[in-house]
């Protein structure tokens, strides 16, 4: 399959690495001079109709522009857009192609197991937390120059860490925002917000709490779910899922995940069965929550 990756930053290069390892013919649209892949400097002159799969891996504020352009210039293709879809709410696009969004945590084996375990459970509370320290994300680069630090390019924890919003919608169903905070509260030299927290309520009455930040020197990514009968605690970093019942019995499941295994599973699913992939319509649900937080903090 012939693939065009649009953008070659850290995430774009990773998609190139993964798709190439899966045997696809990868080409790149980037301003950089590449030796590993055939590359183009602009869309002009690219034989778009000859590609089967398009990957948008540009900064978030370029996603809508890139998606709109591709959707107008190709038909019946598969387009993958890195998460989140956009940096803010946009006009609805009438799609001429199949569009999917890069919420790769859906392919974490323990999140898939948790989704299955929750099928017959009555959820009453869910708490998602993702905390880390932005300067240590990419040790060999200046965090102040990253798009994450730049509000104008679509940086900030609400957009960067929107995986939590996506998987909560995926696991629990629709919910409505009750209260939110989205601000810059640290001394990081950035223009984007480094802290976001919100409470929400699900259609069945479940309470939802989310905490996202760039400021914690202790990295954490956890999901706690309370049901009437059990407690589920998923630690993404430790690769551990604990399940406790009312009798105090605890089951523990551990996995060791290779760096690109979830990315490979995601692309294979999008190009195959599309069993767990986040499609355009679902991606817009996540954007609605993002928009509600943004509106509530202006």
C-alpha atoms as a PDB file:
ATOM      1  CA  UNK A   1       0.000   0.000   0.000  1.00  0.00           C
ATOM      2  CA  UNK A   2       1.263   3.480  -0.876  1.00  0.00           C
ATOM      3  CA  UNK A   3       1.143   5.924   2.050  1.00  0.00           C
ATOM      4  CA  UNK A   4       1.653   9.688   2.221  1.00  0.00           C
ATOM      5  CA  UNK A   5       2.578  11.015   5.668  1.00  0.00           C
ATOM      6  CA  UNK A   6       1.950  14.749   5.973  1.00  0.00           C
ATOM      7  CA  UNK A   7       4.406  16.158   8.525  1.00  0.00           C
ATOM      8  CA  UNK A   8       7.654  14.744   9.865  1.00  0.00           C
ATOM      9  CA  UNK A   9       7.985  15.835  13.475  1.00  0.00           C
ATOM     10  CA  UNK A  10       8.380  13.303  16.287  1.00  0.00           C
ATOM     11  CA  UNK A  11       4.951  11.747  15.717  1.00  0.00           C
ATOM     12  CA  UNK A  12       5.171  11.877  11.910  1.00  0.00           C
ATOM     13  CA  UNK A  13       8.516  10.097  11.930  1.00  0.00           C
ATOM     14  CA  UNK A  14       7.064   7.465  14.228  1.00  0.00           C
ATOM     15  CA  UNK A  15       4.176   6.798  11.860  1.00  0.00           C
ATOM     16  CA  UNK A  16       6.689   6.493   9.028  1.00  0.00           C
ATOM     17  CA  UNK A  17       8.721   3.990  11.036  1.00  0.00           C
ATOM     18  CA  UNK A  18       5.654   1.906  11.922  1.00  0.00           C
ATOM     19  CA  UNK A  19       4.056   1.895   8.471  1.00  0.00           C
ATOM     20  CA  UNK A  20       7.369   1.098   6.806  1.00  0.00           C
ATOM     21  CA  UNK A  21       7.887  -1.836   9.201  1.00  0.00           C
ATOM     22  CA  UNK A  22       4.464  -3.139   8.155  1.00  0.00           C
ATOM     23  CA  UNK A  23       5.648  -3.293   4.559  1.00  0.00           C
ATOM     24  CA  UNK A  24       3.964  -0.196   3.159  1.00  0.00           C
ATOM     25  CA  UNK A  25       5.556   2.182   0.665  1.00  0.00           C
ATOM     26  CA  UNK A  26       5.914   5.393   2.675  1.00  0.00           C
ATOM     27  CA  UNK A  27       6.448   8.895   1.251  1.00  0.00           C
ATOM     28  CA  UNK A  28       6.468  12.161   3.190  1.00  0.00           C
ATOM     29  CA  UNK A  29       5.350  15.760   2.789  1.00  0.00           C
ATOM     30  CA  UNK A  30       7.814  17.843   4.812  1.00  0.00           C
ATOM     31  CA  UNK A  31      10.098  20.861   4.603  1.00  0.00           C
ATOM     32  CA  UNK A  32      12.945  18.654   5.840  1.00  0.00           C
ATOM     33  CA  UNK A  33      15.446  16.903   3.591  1.00  0.00           C
ATOM     34  CA  UNK A  34      15.045  13.183   4.155  1.00  0.00           C
ATOM     35  CA  UNK A  35      17.274  10.291   3.185  1.00  0.00           C
ATOM     36  CA  UNK A  36      15.063   7.505   4.549  1.00  0.00           C
ATOM     37  CA  UNK A  37      11.919   8.285   2.536  1.00  0.00           C
ATOM     38  CA  UNK A  38      10.940   9.903  -0.721  1.00  0.00           C
ATOM     39  CA  UNK A  39       9.733  13.384   0.189  1.00  0.00           C
ATOM     40  CA  UNK A  40       7.891  16.395  -1.197  1.00  0.00           C
ATOM     41  CA  UNK A  41       8.050  20.050  -0.150  1.00  0.00           C
ATOM     42  CA  UNK A  42       4.402  20.895  -0.948  1.00  0.00           C
ATOM     43  CA  UNK A  43       1.168  19.268  -2.117  1.00  0.00           C
ATOM     44  CA  UNK A  44       1.719  20.717  -5.560  1.00  0.00           C
ATOM     45  CA  UNK A  45       2.980  18.030  -7.890  1.00  0.00           C
ATOM     46  CA  UNK A  46       2.125  15.092  -5.616  1.00  0.00           C
ATOM     47  CA  UNK A  47       0.090  12.445  -7.511  1.00  0.00           C
ATOM     48  CA  UNK A  48      -2.482  12.217  -4.709  1.00  0.00           C
ATOM     49  CA  UNK A  49      -4.764   9.776  -6.522  1.00  0.00           C
ATOM     50  CA  UNK A  50      -1.955   7.205  -6.563  1.00  0.00           C
ATOM     51  CA  UNK A  51      -1.855   6.975  -2.767  1.00  0.00           C
ATOM     52  CA  UNK A  52      -4.099   4.630  -0.785  1.00  0.00           C
ATOM     53  CA  UNK A  53      -3.624   5.959   2.746  1.00  0.00           C
ATOM     54  CA  UNK A  54      -2.935   9.455   4.050  1.00  0.00           C
ATOM     55  CA  UNK A  55      -1.561  10.248   7.514  1.00  0.00           C
ATOM     56  CA  UNK A  56      -1.910  13.804   8.850  1.00  0.00           C
ATOM     57  CA  UNK A  57       0.806  14.336  11.453  1.00  0.00           C
ATOM     58  CA  UNK A  58       1.195  18.110  11.417  1.00  0.00           C
ATOM     59  CA  UNK A  59       0.710  20.423  14.444  1.00  0.00           C
ATOM     60  CA  UNK A  60      -2.896  20.434  15.639  1.00  0.00           C
ATOM     61  CA  UNK A  61      -3.689  23.879  14.242  1.00  0.00           C
ATOM     62  CA  UNK A  62      -2.936  22.542  10.727  1.00  0.00           C
ATOM     63  CA  UNK A  63      -5.183  19.470  10.945  1.00  0.00           C
ATOM     64  CA  UNK A  64      -8.356  21.081   9.603  1.00  0.00           C
ATOM     65  CA  UNK A  65      -6.529  22.731   6.695  1.00  0.00           C
ATOM     66  CA  UNK A  66      -4.795  19.458   5.763  1.00  0.00           C
ATOM     67  CA  UNK A  67      -7.924  17.333   6.151  1.00  0.00           C
ATOM     68  CA  UNK A  68     -10.082  19.759   4.184  1.00  0.00           C
ATOM     69  CA  UNK A  69      -7.522  19.834   1.355  1.00  0.00           C
ATOM     70  CA  UNK A  70      -7.201  16.064   1.114  1.00  0.00           C
ATOM     71  CA  UNK A  71     -10.949  15.529   1.386  1.00  0.00           C
ATOM     72  CA  UNK A  72     -11.461  17.862  -1.590  1.00  0.00           C
ATOM     73  CA  UNK A  73      -8.715  16.367  -3.731  1.00  0.00           C
ATOM     74  CA  UNK A  74      -9.115  12.616  -3.264  1.00  0.00           C
ATOM     75  CA  UNK A  75     -12.128  10.319  -3.054  1.00  0.00           C
ATOM     76  CA  UNK A  76     -12.763   6.925  -1.501  1.00  0.00           C
ATOM     77  CA  UNK A  77      -9.403   6.859   0.250  1.00  0.00           C
ATOM     78  CA  UNK A  78      -8.500   6.314   3.917  1.00  0.00           C
ATOM     79  CA  UNK A  79      -7.296   9.363   5.838  1.00  0.00           C
ATOM     80  CA  UNK A  80      -5.782   9.155   9.295  1.00  0.00           C
ATOM     81  CA  UNK A  81      -5.549  12.344  11.374  1.00  0.00           C
ATOM     82  CA  UNK A  82      -3.487  12.573  14.532  1.00  0.00           C
ATOM     83  CA  UNK A  83      -5.414  13.412  17.679  1.00  0.00           C
ATOM     84  CA  UNK A  84      -7.204  15.614  18.378  1.00  0.00           C
ATOM     85  CA  UNK A  85      -9.071  16.347  15.166  1.00  0.00           C
ATOM     86  CA  UNK A  86      -8.701  20.116  15.523  1.00  0.00           C
ATOM     87  CA  UNK A  87      -7.509  22.782  17.959  1.00  0.00           C
ATOM     88  CA  UNK A  88     -11.066  24.144  18.329  1.00  0.00           C
ATOM     89  CA  UNK A  89     -14.533  23.533  16.944  1.00  0.00           C
ATOM     90  CA  UNK A  90     -14.686  23.744  13.135  1.00  0.00           C
ATOM     91  CA  UNK A  91     -17.320  23.627  10.425  1.00  0.00           C
ATOM     92  CA  UNK A  92     -18.563  20.112   9.699  1.00  0.00           C
ATOM     93  CA  UNK A  93     -16.842  18.482   6.739  1.00  0.00           C
ATOM     94  CA  UNK A  94     -18.906  16.412   4.338  1.00  0.00           C
ATOM     95  CA  UNK A  95     -16.570  13.497   3.852  1.00  0.00           C
ATOM     96  CA  UNK A  96     -15.600  12.021   0.493  1.00  0.00           C
ATOM     97  CA  UNK A  97     -13.241   9.598   2.252  1.00  0.00           C
ATOM     98  CA  UNK A  98     -13.041   7.395   5.338  1.00  0.00           C
ATOM     99  CA  UNK A  99     -11.460   9.424   8.151  1.00  0.00           C
ATOM    100  CA  UNK A 100     -10.014   8.084  11.403  1.00  0.00           C
ATOM    101  CA  UNK A 101      -8.410   9.762  14.409  1.00  0.00           C
ATOM    102  CA  UNK A 102      -5.220   8.670  16.180  1.00  0.00           C
ATOM    103  CA  UNK A 103      -6.452   7.641  19.604  1.00  0.00           C
ATOM    104  CA  UNK A 104      -3.916   4.882  19.988  1.00  0.00           C
ATOM    105  CA  UNK A 105      -4.640   4.111  23.663  1.00  0.00           C
ATOM    106  CA  UNK A 106      -7.706   2.198  22.466  1.00  0.00           C
ATOM    107  CA  UNK A 107      -5.219  -0.481  21.410  1.00  0.00           C
ATOM    108  CA  UNK A 108      -3.590  -0.860  24.816  1.00  0.00           C
ATOM    109  CA  UNK A 109      -4.261  -4.514  25.702  1.00  0.00           C
ATOM    110  CA  UNK A 110      -5.258  -3.706  29.277  1.00  0.00           C
ATOM    111  CA  UNK A 111      -7.714  -1.008  28.195  1.00  0.00           C
ATOM    112  CA  UNK A 112      -9.255  -3.538  25.811  1.00  0.00           C
ATOM    113  CA  UNK A 113      -9.487  -6.029  28.664  1.00  0.00           C
ATOM    114  CA  UNK A 114     -11.044  -3.394  30.915  1.00  0.00           C
ATOM    115  CA  UNK A 115     -13.637  -2.535  28.261  1.00  0.00           C
ATOM    116  CA  UNK A 116     -14.608  -6.190  28.108  1.00  0.00           C
ATOM    117  CA  UNK A 117     -14.726  -6.512  31.920  1.00  0.00           C
ATOM    118  CA  UNK A 118     -17.087  -3.535  32.187  1.00  0.00           C
ATOM    119  CA  UNK A 119     -19.761  -5.017  29.917  1.00  0.00           C
ATOM    120  CA  UNK A 120     -21.923  -6.304  32.797  1.00  0.00           C
ATOM    121  CA  UNK A 121     -20.961  -3.689  35.392  1.00  0.00           C
ATOM    122  CA  UNK A 122     -22.891  -0.651  36.639  1.00  0.00           C
ATOM    123  CA  UNK A 123     -20.340   2.188  36.596  1.00  0.00           C
ATOM    124  CA  UNK A 124     -20.784   4.863  39.260  1.00  0.00           C
ATOM    125  CA  UNK A 125     -17.464   6.766  39.158  1.00  0.00           C
ATOM    126  CA  UNK A 126     -14.502   7.136  36.807  1.00  0.00           C
ATOM    127  CA  UNK A 127     -11.281   9.071  37.364  1.00  0.00           C
ATOM    128  CA  UNK A 128      -8.664   9.558  34.647  1.00  0.00           C
ATOM    129  CA  UNK A 129      -5.296  11.146  35.383  1.00  0.00           C
ATOM    130  CA  UNK A 130      -2.367  11.934  33.090  1.00  0.00           C
ATOM    131  CA  UNK A 131       0.523  13.878  34.596  1.00  0.00           C
ATOM    132  CA  UNK A 132       4.076  14.477  33.439  1.00  0.00           C
ATOM    133  CA  UNK A 133       6.700  17.212  33.212  1.00  0.00           C
ATOM    134  CA  UNK A 134       6.895  18.818  29.781  1.00  0.00           C
ATOM    135  CA  UNK A 135      10.685  19.558  29.802  1.00  0.00           C
ATOM    136  CA  UNK A 136      11.427  15.830  30.162  1.00  0.00           C
ATOM    137  CA  UNK A 137       9.151  14.643  27.346  1.00  0.00           C
ATOM    138  CA  UNK A 138      11.860  14.918  24.726  1.00  0.00           C
ATOM    139  CA  UNK A 139      15.187  15.125  26.594  1.00  0.00           C
ATOM    140  CA  UNK A 140      17.257  16.035  23.526  1.00  0.00           C
ATOM    141  CA  UNK A 141      15.174  19.068  22.522  1.00  0.00           C
ATOM    142  CA  UNK A 142      14.091  22.379  24.015  1.00  0.00           C
ATOM    143  CA  UNK A 143      10.553  22.048  25.362  1.00  0.00           C
ATOM    144  CA  UNK A 144       9.980  25.764  24.719  1.00  0.00           C
ATOM    145  CA  UNK A 145      10.280  25.164  20.971  1.00  0.00           C
ATOM    146  CA  UNK A 146       7.819  22.261  20.862  1.00  0.00           C
ATOM    147  CA  UNK A 147       4.312  22.685  19.508  1.00  0.00           C
ATOM    148  CA  UNK A 148       3.026  21.450  22.887  1.00  0.00           C
ATOM    149  CA  UNK A 149       4.286  24.674  24.444  1.00  0.00           C
ATOM    150  CA  UNK A 150       2.724  26.908  21.781  1.00  0.00           C
ATOM    151  CA  UNK A 151      -0.933  27.846  22.144  1.00  0.00           C
ATOM    152  CA  UNK A 152      -1.084  29.181  18.569  1.00  0.00           C
ATOM    153  CA  UNK A 153      -0.006  25.814  17.134  1.00  0.00           C
ATOM    154  CA  UNK A 154      -2.598  23.903  19.154  1.00  0.00           C
ATOM    155  CA  UNK A 155      -0.483  23.042  22.183  1.00  0.00           C
ATOM    156  CA  UNK A 156      -1.706  22.603  25.742  1.00  0.00           C
ATOM    157  CA  UNK A 157      -2.701  19.640  27.889  1.00  0.00           C
ATOM    158  CA  UNK A 158      -6.378  19.661  26.904  1.00  0.00           C
ATOM    159  CA  UNK A 159      -5.472  18.955  23.273  1.00  0.00           C
ATOM    160  CA  UNK A 160      -2.224  17.044  23.792  1.00  0.00           C
ATOM    161  CA  UNK A 161      -3.707  14.636  26.317  1.00  0.00           C
ATOM    162  CA  UNK A 162      -7.187  14.231  24.856  1.00  0.00           C
ATOM    163  CA  UNK A 163      -6.714  10.443  24.842  1.00  0.00           C
ATOM    164  CA  UNK A 164      -8.386  10.472  28.256  1.00  0.00           C
ATOM    165  CA  UNK A 165     -11.517  12.156  26.888  1.00  0.00           C
ATOM    166  CA  UNK A 166     -11.691   9.742  23.965  1.00  0.00           C
ATOM    167  CA  UNK A 167     -11.349   6.538  25.966  1.00  0.00           C
ATOM    168  CA  UNK A 168     -13.830   7.696  28.629  1.00  0.00           C
ATOM    169  CA  UNK A 169     -16.421   8.358  25.910  1.00  0.00           C
ATOM    170  CA  UNK A 170     -15.535   4.994  24.372  1.00  0.00           C
ATOM    171  CA  UNK A 171     -15.885   3.111  27.667  1.00  0.00           C
ATOM    172  CA  UNK A 172     -18.739   4.992  29.332  1.00  0.00           C
ATOM    173  CA  UNK A 173     -20.735   6.617  26.550  1.00  0.00           C
ATOM    174  CA  UNK A 174     -21.670  10.283  26.230  1.00  0.00           C
ATOM    175  CA  UNK A 175     -21.272  12.662  29.154  1.00  0.00           C
ATOM    176  CA  UNK A 176     -21.801  16.359  29.845  1.00  0.00           C
ATOM    177  CA  UNK A 177     -19.390  18.780  31.445  1.00  0.00           C
ATOM    178  CA  UNK A 178     -20.233  20.060  34.924  1.00  0.00           C
ATOM    179  CA  UNK A 179     -17.171  22.119  35.872  1.00  0.00           C
ATOM    180  CA  UNK A 180     -13.724  22.717  34.384  1.00  0.00           C
ATOM    181  CA  UNK A 181     -10.413  24.524  34.829  1.00  0.00           C
ATOM    182  CA  UNK A 182      -7.960  24.968  31.947  1.00  0.00           C
ATOM    183  CA  UNK A 183      -5.083  27.294  32.817  1.00  0.00           C
ATOM    184  CA  UNK A 184      -1.352  27.862  32.949  1.00  0.00           C
ATOM    185  CA  UNK A 185      -0.340  27.604  36.607  1.00  0.00           C
ATOM    186  CA  UNK A 186       3.390  26.747  36.574  1.00  0.00           C
ATOM    187  CA  UNK A 187       6.605  28.629  35.801  1.00  0.00           C
ATOM    188  CA  UNK A 188       7.131  26.759  32.512  1.00  0.00           C
ATOM    189  CA  UNK A 189       8.152  29.087  29.685  1.00  0.00           C
ATOM    190  CA  UNK A 190       5.190  28.276  27.467  1.00  0.00           C
ATOM    191  CA  UNK A 191       2.132  30.074  26.073  1.00  0.00           C
ATOM    192  CA  UNK A 192      -0.150  27.025  26.285  1.00  0.00           C
ATOM    193  CA  UNK A 193      -2.071  25.838  29.330  1.00  0.00           C
ATOM    194  CA  UNK A 194      -0.287  23.284  31.514  1.00  0.00           C
ATOM    195  CA  UNK A 195      -3.169  22.218  33.777  1.00  0.00           C
ATOM    196  CA  UNK A 196      -6.695  21.043  33.021  1.00  0.00           C
ATOM    197  CA  UNK A 197      -9.245  19.397  35.290  1.00  0.00           C
ATOM    198  CA  UNK A 198     -12.940  18.812  34.895  1.00  0.00           C
ATOM    199  CA  UNK A 199     -15.927  17.008  36.313  1.00  0.00           C
ATOM    200  CA  UNK A 200     -18.670  15.567  34.157  1.00  0.00           C
ATOM    201  CA  UNK A 201     -21.769  13.431  34.486  1.00  0.00           C
ATOM    202  CA  UNK A 202     -22.702  10.478  32.320  1.00  0.00           C
ATOM    203  CA  UNK A 203     -26.102   9.670  30.881  1.00  0.00           C
ATOM    204  CA  UNK A 204     -26.593   6.961  33.514  1.00  0.00           C
ATOM    205  CA  UNK A 205     -25.575   9.231  36.375  1.00  0.00           C
ATOM    206  CA  UNK A 206     -21.937   8.194  36.717  1.00  0.00           C
ATOM    207  CA  UNK A 207     -19.554  10.877  38.000  1.00  0.00           C
ATOM    208  CA  UNK A 208     -16.427  11.500  35.911  1.00  0.00           C
ATOM    209  CA  UNK A 209     -13.242  13.259  36.998  1.00  0.00           C
ATOM    210  CA  UNK A 210     -10.310  14.099  34.701  1.00  0.00           C
ATOM    211  CA  UNK A 211      -6.932  15.646  35.593  1.00  0.00           C
ATOM    212  CA  UNK A 212      -4.325  16.500  32.927  1.00  0.00           C
ATOM    213  CA  UNK A 213      -1.068  18.373  33.419  1.00  0.00           C
ATOM    214  CA  UNK A 214       2.447  19.153  32.149  1.00  0.00           C
ATOM    215  CA  UNK A 215       3.746  20.054  35.616  1.00  0.00           C
ATOM    216  CA  UNK A 216       4.165  16.856  37.618  1.00  0.00           C
ATOM    217  CA  UNK A 217       7.698  15.596  38.199  1.00  0.00           C
ATOM    218  CA  UNK A 218       6.202  12.174  38.909  1.00  0.00           C
ATOM    219  CA  UNK A 219       4.804  10.733  35.684  1.00  0.00           C
ATOM    220  CA  UNK A 220       1.406   9.111  36.044  1.00  0.00           C
ATOM    221  CA  UNK A 221      -1.257   7.790  33.698  1.00  0.00           C
ATOM    222  CA  UNK A 222      -4.043   5.978  35.486  1.00  0.00           C
ATOM    223  CA  UNK A 223      -7.711   5.160  35.149  1.00  0.00           C
ATOM    224  CA  UNK A 224      -9.821   4.299  38.201  1.00  0.00           C
ATOM    225  CA  UNK A 225     -13.327   2.977  37.707  1.00  0.00           C
ATOM    226  CA  UNK A 226     -15.753   2.163  40.505  1.00  0.00           C
ATOM    227  CA  UNK A 227     -18.784  -0.008  39.823  1.00  0.00           C
ATOM    228  CA  UNK A 228     -21.422  -1.279  42.224  1.00  0.00           C
ATOM    229  CA  UNK A 229     -19.523  -4.541  42.625  1.00  0.00           C
ATOM    230  CA  UNK A 230     -15.873  -3.928  41.736  1.00  0.00           C
ATOM    231  CA  UNK A 231     -12.985  -1.481  41.617  1.00  0.00           C
ATOM    232  CA  UNK A 232     -10.775  -1.332  38.521  1.00  0.00           C
ATOM    233  CA  UNK A 233      -7.412   0.418  38.536  1.00  0.00           C
ATOM    234  CA  UNK A 234      -5.409   0.597  35.320  1.00  0.00           C
ATOM    235  CA  UNK A 235      -1.846   1.924  35.443  1.00  0.00           C
ATOM    236  CA  UNK A 236      -0.788   2.508  31.833  1.00  0.00           C
ATOM    237  CA  UNK A 237       2.854   3.164  32.712  1.00  0.00           C
ATOM    238  CA  UNK A 238       3.296   0.112  34.933  1.00  0.00           C
ATOM    239  CA  UNK A 239       1.264  -2.018  32.526  1.00  0.00           C
ATOM    240  CA  UNK A 240      -0.949  -3.234  35.341  1.00  0.00           C
ATOM    241  CA  UNK A 241      -4.699  -3.719  35.740  1.00  0.00           C
ATOM    242  CA  UNK A 242      -6.044  -4.502  39.213  1.00  0.00           C
ATOM    243  CA  UNK A 243      -9.590  -5.697  39.799  1.00  0.00           C
ATOM    244  CA  UNK A 244     -10.963  -5.892  43.363  1.00  0.00           C
ATOM    245  CA  UNK A 245     -14.363  -7.186  44.490  1.00  0.00           C
ATOM    246  CA  UNK A 246     -16.437  -6.641  47.622  1.00  0.00           C
ATOM    247  CA  UNK A 247     -14.750  -9.569  49.354  1.00  0.00           C
ATOM    248  CA  UNK A 248     -11.345  -7.960  49.040  1.00  0.00           C
ATOM    249  CA  UNK A 249     -10.114 -10.410  46.446  1.00  0.00           C
ATOM    250  CA  UNK A 250      -7.768  -8.782  43.937  1.00  0.00           C
ATOM    251  CA  UNK A 251      -6.903  -9.985  40.470  1.00  0.00           C
ATOM    252  CA  UNK A 252      -3.853  -8.463  38.807  1.00  0.00           C
ATOM    253  CA  UNK A 253      -2.996  -8.483  35.123  1.00  0.00           C
ATOM    254  CA  UNK A 254       0.407  -7.373  33.842  1.00  0.00           C
ATOM    255  CA  UNK A 255       1.616  -6.694  30.312  1.00  0.00           C
ATOM    256  CA  UNK A 256       4.873  -5.517  28.823  1.00  0.00           C
ATOM    257  CA  UNK A 257       4.268  -3.473  25.698  1.00  0.00           C
ATOM    258  CA  UNK A 258       6.786  -2.844  22.947  1.00  0.00           C
ATOM    259  CA  UNK A 259       7.225   0.799  21.937  1.00  0.00           C
ATOM    260  CA  UNK A 260       5.291   0.640  18.664  1.00  0.00           C
ATOM    261  CA  UNK A 261       2.961  -2.318  19.219  1.00  0.00           C
ATOM    262  CA  UNK A 262      -0.172  -0.217  19.791  1.00  0.00           C
ATOM    263  CA  UNK A 263       0.662   2.002  16.805  1.00  0.00           C
ATOM    264  CA  UNK A 264       1.014  -1.072  14.610  1.00  0.00           C
ATOM    265  CA  UNK A 265      -2.270  -2.479  15.886  1.00  0.00           C
ATOM    266  CA  UNK A 266      -4.024   0.835  15.225  1.00  0.00           C
ATOM    267  CA  UNK A 267      -2.871   1.145  11.612  1.00  0.00           C
ATOM    268  CA  UNK A 268      -3.581  -2.526  10.918  1.00  0.00           C
ATOM    269  CA  UNK A 269      -7.105  -2.112  12.309  1.00  0.00           C
ATOM    270  CA  UNK A 270      -7.792   1.078  10.335  1.00  0.00           C
ATOM    271  CA  UNK A 271      -6.595  -0.606   7.146  1.00  0.00           C
ATOM    272  CA  UNK A 272      -8.423  -3.820   8.031  1.00  0.00           C
ATOM    273  CA  UNK A 273     -11.429  -4.648  10.218  1.00  0.00           C
ATOM    274  CA  UNK A 274     -11.853  -1.168  11.752  1.00  0.00           C
ATOM    275  CA  UNK A 275     -12.946  -2.861  14.971  1.00  0.00           C
ATOM    276  CA  UNK A 276     -11.691  -0.346  17.545  1.00  0.00           C
ATOM    277  CA  UNK A 277     -10.707   2.647  15.399  1.00  0.00           C
ATOM    278  CA  UNK A 278     -11.936   6.130  16.268  1.00  0.00           C
ATOM    279  CA  UNK A 279     -13.815   7.410  13.226  1.00  0.00           C
ATOM    280  CA  UNK A 280     -14.527  11.026  12.283  1.00  0.00           C
ATOM    281  CA  UNK A 281     -17.927  11.181  13.971  1.00  0.00           C
ATOM    282  CA  UNK A 282     -16.561   9.850  17.247  1.00  0.00           C
ATOM    283  CA  UNK A 283     -13.612  12.215  17.004  1.00  0.00           C
ATOM    284  CA  UNK A 284     -16.111  15.064  16.846  1.00  0.00           C
ATOM    285  CA  UNK A 285     -17.614  13.890  20.155  1.00  0.00           C
ATOM    286  CA  UNK A 286     -14.237  14.385  21.784  1.00  0.00           C
ATOM    287  CA  UNK A 287     -14.039  17.808  20.136  1.00  0.00           C
ATOM    288  CA  UNK A 288     -17.398  18.720  21.694  1.00  0.00           C
ATOM    289  CA  UNK A 289     -15.999  18.062  25.185  1.00  0.00           C
ATOM    290  CA  UNK A 290     -12.824  19.990  24.321  1.00  0.00           C
ATOM    291  CA  UNK A 291     -14.953  22.864  23.019  1.00  0.00           C
ATOM    292  CA  UNK A 292     -17.075  22.885  26.190  1.00  0.00           C
ATOM    293  CA  UNK A 293     -13.933  23.143  28.347  1.00  0.00           C
ATOM    294  CA  UNK A 294     -12.503  25.897  26.120  1.00  0.00           C
ATOM    295  CA  UNK A 295     -15.744  27.890  26.199  1.00  0.00           C
ATOM    296  CA  UNK A 296     -16.030  27.538  29.946  1.00  0.00           C
ATOM    297  CA  UNK A 297     -12.559  28.968  30.513  1.00  0.00           C
ATOM    298  CA  UNK A 298     -12.664  32.104  28.351  1.00  0.00           C
END
